[in-house]
């Protein structure tokens, strides 16, 4: 799809500009994602108790939902996506 768009540019210079813009956007988005991840990692070190509590709550709720499915009581769970 990207190469088709680059080919639609009409010239090799236009195709090169489109491909370079794509690469620049890819690099910038990767750097942005890494920055957000790093910020989150620094934040979790300050709030370790909250992170552990949320992890425990997530694990317990996952076990509860899985147990309801295994026991055949999935009808008591809310319907997701209209199902």
Protein backbone atom coordinates (compact mmCIF):
# COMPACT_ATOMS: atom_id res chain seq x y z
CA UNK A 1 0.00 0.00 0.00
CA UNK A 2 2.81 2.38 0.88
CA UNK A 3 4.68 1.62 -2.32
CA UNK A 4 1.49 2.10 -4.34
CA UNK A 5 1.07 5.52 -2.73
CA UNK A 6 4.67 6.36 -3.45
CA UNK A 7 4.22 5.28 -7.04
CA UNK A 8 1.12 7.47 -7.33
CA UNK A 9 3.28 10.46 -6.52
CA UNK A 10 4.13 10.62 -10.20
CA UNK A 11 7.88 11.10 -9.96
CA UNK A 12 10.79 9.44 -8.26
CA UNK A 13 11.37 12.60 -6.20
CA UNK A 14 7.76 12.55 -4.98
CA UNK A 15 8.03 8.86 -4.15
CA UNK A 16 11.23 9.47 -2.20
CA UNK A 17 9.60 12.31 -0.24
CA UNK A 18 6.62 10.11 0.66
CA UNK A 19 8.86 7.24 1.77
CA UNK A 20 11.10 9.56 3.82
CA UNK A 21 8.05 11.13 5.46
CA UNK A 22 6.80 7.65 6.35
CA UNK A 23 10.15 6.69 7.87
CA UNK A 24 10.35 9.96 9.83
CA UNK A 25 6.85 9.37 11.21
CA UNK A 26 7.74 5.80 12.12
CA UNK A 27 10.87 6.88 13.99
CA UNK A 28 9.06 9.72 15.79
CA UNK A 29 6.22 7.46 16.89
CA UNK A 30 8.68 4.85 18.18
CA UNK A 31 10.56 7.50 20.17
CA UNK A 32 7.25 8.79 21.55
CA UNK A 33 6.13 5.32 22.62
CA UNK A 34 9.49 4.69 24.29
CA UNK A 35 9.19 8.01 26.13
CA UNK A 36 5.70 7.21 27.39
CA UNK A 37 6.87 3.76 28.50
CA UNK A 38 9.84 5.24 30.34
CA UNK A 39 7.63 7.81 32.06
CA UNK A 40 5.30 5.01 33.16
CA UNK A 41 8.17 2.94 34.50
CA UNK A 42 9.47 5.84 36.58
CA UNK A 43 5.95 6.54 37.87
CA UNK A 44 5.37 2.94 38.95
CA UNK A 45 8.46 2.96 41.11
CA UNK A 46 6.94 5.77 43.15
CA UNK A 47 3.58 4.00 43.42
CA UNK A 48 4.63 0.37 43.91
CA UNK A 49 1.84 -0.35 46.41
CA UNK A 50 -0.81 0.88 43.98
CA UNK A 51 0.67 -1.21 41.19
CA UNK A 52 0.72 -4.36 43.34
CA UNK A 53 -2.84 -3.73 44.53
CA UNK A 54 -4.13 -3.25 40.97
CA UNK A 55 -2.29 -6.37 39.84
CA UNK A 56 -3.83 -8.41 42.65
CA UNK A 57 -7.31 -7.05 41.89
CA UNK A 58 -6.88 -7.86 38.20
CA UNK A 59 -5.72 -11.40 39.01
CA UNK A 60 -8.58 -12.07 41.42
CA UNK A 61 -11.21 -10.77 39.01
CA UNK A 62 -9.71 -12.86 36.21
CA UNK A 63 -9.90 -16.00 38.36
CA UNK A 64 -13.50 -15.15 39.32
CA UNK A 65 -14.61 -14.65 35.71
CA UNK A 66 -12.79 -17.80 34.59
CA UNK A 67 -14.38 -19.80 37.39
CA UNK A 68 -17.84 -18.59 36.37
CA UNK A 69 -17.20 -19.69 32.79
CA UNK A 70 -15.89 -23.10 33.85
CA UNK A 71 -18.82 -23.64 36.24
CA UNK A 72 -21.29 -22.78 33.49
CA UNK A 73 -22.60 -19.57 35.06
CA UNK A 74 -21.47 -17.20 32.34
CA UNK A 75 -25.03 -15.86 32.04
CA UNK A 76 -24.49 -13.83 35.24
CA UNK A 77 -21.71 -11.85 33.56
CA UNK A 78 -22.60 -8.71 31.61
CA UNK A 79 -22.95 -9.06 27.85
CA UNK A 80 -20.09 -7.46 25.95
CA UNK A 81 -20.38 -6.06 22.42
CA UNK A 82 -24.13 -6.69 22.30
CA UNK A 83 -23.68 -10.45 22.72
